[in-house]
Amino acid sequence: MSVYTTDVLIEGVRRDDALAWLADAGHHRAILDGAFDGLRETGTGCFELDIKSAPRPRVLTYTFDRVDEEHGGRRVHVALDGRRLKGKLHYSLRTMKPSTNTLITVHADFSGNGYLLLAAESLGLKPRLDAAFKAMTANLAREVGKLKG
């Protein structure tokens, strides 16, 4: 299993405001825009993401799943799927001090066809996904940062 994690501190935006923004599936295009090599919206909160990496380009589907507020946490879940690549992504929100600051963590877990996934990552998929998730957090900081009030 491969794991990718990156986070961003958004100052001046409360956690509940950030969660409300992320809970709207229509806002996810702004998070993904420019992070991948191609982006096609197939429905509200559903996208096909093009990833150009060796040994061959891939298409990853991103499907908004649900908002989870159990156990005192705040998470937004997304399903990821592609040829020989399956995973889940979640946005985890935490209140930081002062209470008007929010830390958003983007966490993705991939499972795939064992050795084929490891081979694809070693041939260029891993750095491409790292860059994509970092671009997503930059987009999150920009878009959620607009909620400052």
Protein backbone atom coordinates (compact mmCIF):
# COMPACT_ATOMS: atom_id res chain seq x y z
CA MET A 1 0.00 0.00 0.00
CA SER A 2 1.27 3.45 -0.87
CA VAL A 3 0.49 6.47 1.27
CA TYR A 4 0.66 10.16 0.35
CA THR A 5 0.15 12.90 2.93
CA THR A 6 0.46 16.66 2.74
CA ASP A 7 -1.10 19.46 4.73
CA VAL A 8 -1.71 23.20 4.77
CA LEU A 9 -2.47 25.68 7.56
CA ILE A 10 -5.17 28.16 6.61
CA GLU A 11 -5.15 31.17 8.88
CA GLY A 12 -8.29 33.16 9.59
CA VAL A 13 -10.77 30.44 8.56
CA ARG A 14 -12.64 28.38 11.14
CA ARG A 15 -12.75 24.60 10.77
CA ASP A 16 -16.53 24.46 10.40
CA ASP A 17 -16.45 27.05 7.59
CA ALA A 18 -13.73 25.10 5.79
CA LEU A 19 -15.69 21.86 6.27
CA ALA A 20 -18.86 23.42 4.87
CA TRP A 21 -16.90 24.50 1.78
CA LEU A 22 -15.31 21.05 1.31
CA ALA A 23 -18.67 19.31 1.90
CA ASP A 24 -20.00 20.90 -1.29
CA ALA A 25 -19.05 18.42 -4.04
CA GLY A 26 -19.23 21.24 -6.58
CA HIS A 27 -16.15 22.89 -5.07
CA HIS A 28 -13.82 19.96 -5.70
CA ARG A 29 -13.07 21.03 -9.27
CA ALA A 30 -11.26 24.07 -7.84
CA ILE A 31 -9.10 21.75 -5.71
CA LEU A 32 -8.15 19.53 -8.66
CA ASP A 33 -7.75 22.20 -11.34
CA GLY A 34 -4.16 22.24 -12.60
CA ALA A 35 -2.96 19.56 -10.17
CA PHE A 36 -3.10 16.77 -12.76
CA ASP A 37 -2.23 16.59 -16.45
CA GLY A 38 -5.89 16.51 -17.45
CA LEU A 39 -9.26 16.91 -15.78
CA ARG A 40 -12.72 15.90 -16.98
CA GLU A 41 -15.84 16.34 -14.88
CA THR A 42 -18.16 13.34 -15.28
CA GLY A 43 -20.74 14.48 -12.72
CA THR A 44 -21.02 16.60 -9.58
CA GLY A 45 -18.00 15.67 -7.48
CA CYS A 46 -16.87 13.04 -10.02
CA PHE A 47 -13.76 13.52 -12.15
CA GLU A 48 -11.35 11.68 -14.40
CA LEU A 49 -7.77 12.74 -13.74
CA ASP A 50 -5.03 12.20 -16.33
CA ILE A 51 -1.61 11.30 -14.96
CA LYS A 52 1.30 11.29 -17.39
CA SER A 53 4.03 9.06 -16.00
CA ALA A 54 6.16 6.15 -17.08
CA PRO A 55 5.67 3.43 -18.06
CA ARG A 56 2.31 4.64 -19.40
CA PRO A 57 -0.25 7.38 -18.78
CA ARG A 58 -3.05 6.58 -16.34
CA VAL A 59 -6.56 7.77 -15.67
CA LEU A 60 -7.63 8.02 -12.05
CA THR A 61 -11.27 8.54 -11.12
CA TYR A 62 -12.00 10.85 -8.18
CA THR A 63 -15.48 10.49 -6.68
CA PHE A 64 -16.75 12.57 -3.75
CA ASP A 65 -18.06 10.12 -1.16
CA ARG A 66 -19.21 11.65 2.11
CA VAL A 67 -18.60 13.97 5.02
CA ASP A 68 -17.71 12.30 8.33
CA GLU A 69 -18.17 14.16 11.60
CA GLU A 70 -18.02 11.13 13.91
CA HIS A 71 -15.66 10.89 16.88
CA GLY A 72 -15.28 14.68 17.09
CA GLY A 73 -13.26 14.83 13.87
CA ARG A 74 -14.06 16.42 10.57
CA ARG A 75 -13.27 14.51 7.38
CA VAL A 76 -14.37 14.54 3.77
CA HIS A 77 -13.97 11.17 2.03
CA VAL A 78 -13.22 10.60 -1.65
CA ALA A 79 -12.95 7.30 -3.57
CA LEU A 80 -10.07 6.87 -6.03
CA ASP A 81 -10.01 4.24 -8.73
CA GLY A 82 -7.97 3.44 -11.80
CA ARG A 83 -6.54 0.57 -13.78
CA ARG A 84 -4.66 -1.60 -11.26
CA LEU A 85 -4.85 1.29 -8.81
CA LYS A 86 -7.52 1.67 -6.14
CA GLY A 87 -7.53 3.94 -3.15
CA LYS A 88 -9.19 6.39 -0.89
CA LEU A 89 -8.46 9.98 -0.12
CA HIS A 90 -9.67 12.09 2.75
CA TYR A 91 -9.37 15.67 3.79
CA SER A 92 -8.94 15.89 7.56
CA LEU A 93 -9.62 19.22 9.27
CA ARG A 94 -8.31 20.25 12.68
CA THR A 95 -8.67 23.47 14.63
CA MET A 96 -5.36 25.12 15.45
CA LYS A 97 -4.60 27.93 17.90
CA PRO A 98 -6.02 30.47 17.65
CA SER A 99 -9.39 28.91 16.91
CA THR A 100 -9.68 30.85 13.66
CA ASN A 101 -6.95 28.69 12.08
CA THR A 102 -7.56 25.36 10.36
CA LEU A 103 -5.07 22.65 9.42
CA ILE A 104 -6.22 20.59 6.44
CA THR A 105 -4.42 17.31 5.74
CA VAL A 106 -4.79 15.55 2.39
CA HIS A 107 -4.20 11.84 2.94
CA ALA A 108 -4.36 9.23 0.18
CA ASP A 109 -3.94 5.46 0.54
CA PHE A 110 -3.48 3.37 -2.58
CA SER A 111 -3.59 -0.34 -2.98
CA GLY A 112 -3.01 -2.02 -6.26
CA ASN A 113 -1.64 -5.03 -7.93
CA GLY A 114 1.33 -5.39 -5.56
CA TYR A 115 4.48 -5.48 -7.65
CA LEU A 116 2.90 -3.65 -10.58
CA LEU A 117 2.05 -0.68 -8.36
CA LEU A 118 5.57 -0.66 -6.90
CA ALA A 119 7.07 -0.83 -10.39
CA ALA A 120 4.86 2.00 -11.67
CA GLU A 121 5.78 4.15 -8.67
CA SER A 122 9.49 3.51 -9.13
CA LEU A 123 9.22 4.42 -12.83
CA GLY A 124 7.68 7.82 -12.20
CA LEU A 125 4.17 7.53 -10.78
CA LYS A 126 5.19 8.36 -7.19
CA PRO A 127 6.81 11.77 -7.90
CA ARG A 128 3.91 12.69 -10.19
CA LEU A 129 1.35 11.88 -7.49
CA ASP A 130 3.44 13.72 -4.86
CA ALA A 131 3.41 16.83 -7.06
CA ALA A 132 -0.32 16.50 -7.72
CA PHE A 133 -1.23 16.25 -4.03
CA LYS A 134 0.98 19.24 -3.20
CA ALA A 135 -0.74 21.24 -5.96
CA MET A 136 -4.11 20.21 -4.50
CA THR A 137 -3.12 21.60 -1.08
CA ALA A 138 -1.98 24.86 -2.70
CA ASN A 139 -5.37 25.08 -4.45
CA LEU A 140 -7.10 24.36 -1.11
CA ALA A 141 -5.16 27.15 0.60
CA ARG A 142 -6.13 29.59 -2.14
CA GLU A 143 -9.81 28.62 -2.37
CA VAL A 144 -10.59 28.07 1.32
CA GLY A 145 -8.51 31.15 2.14
CA LYS A 146 -11.13 33.20 0.29
CA LEU A 147 -13.51 32.47 3.20
CA LYS A 148 -11.56 34.81 5.51
CA GLY A 149 -13.93 37.33 6.86
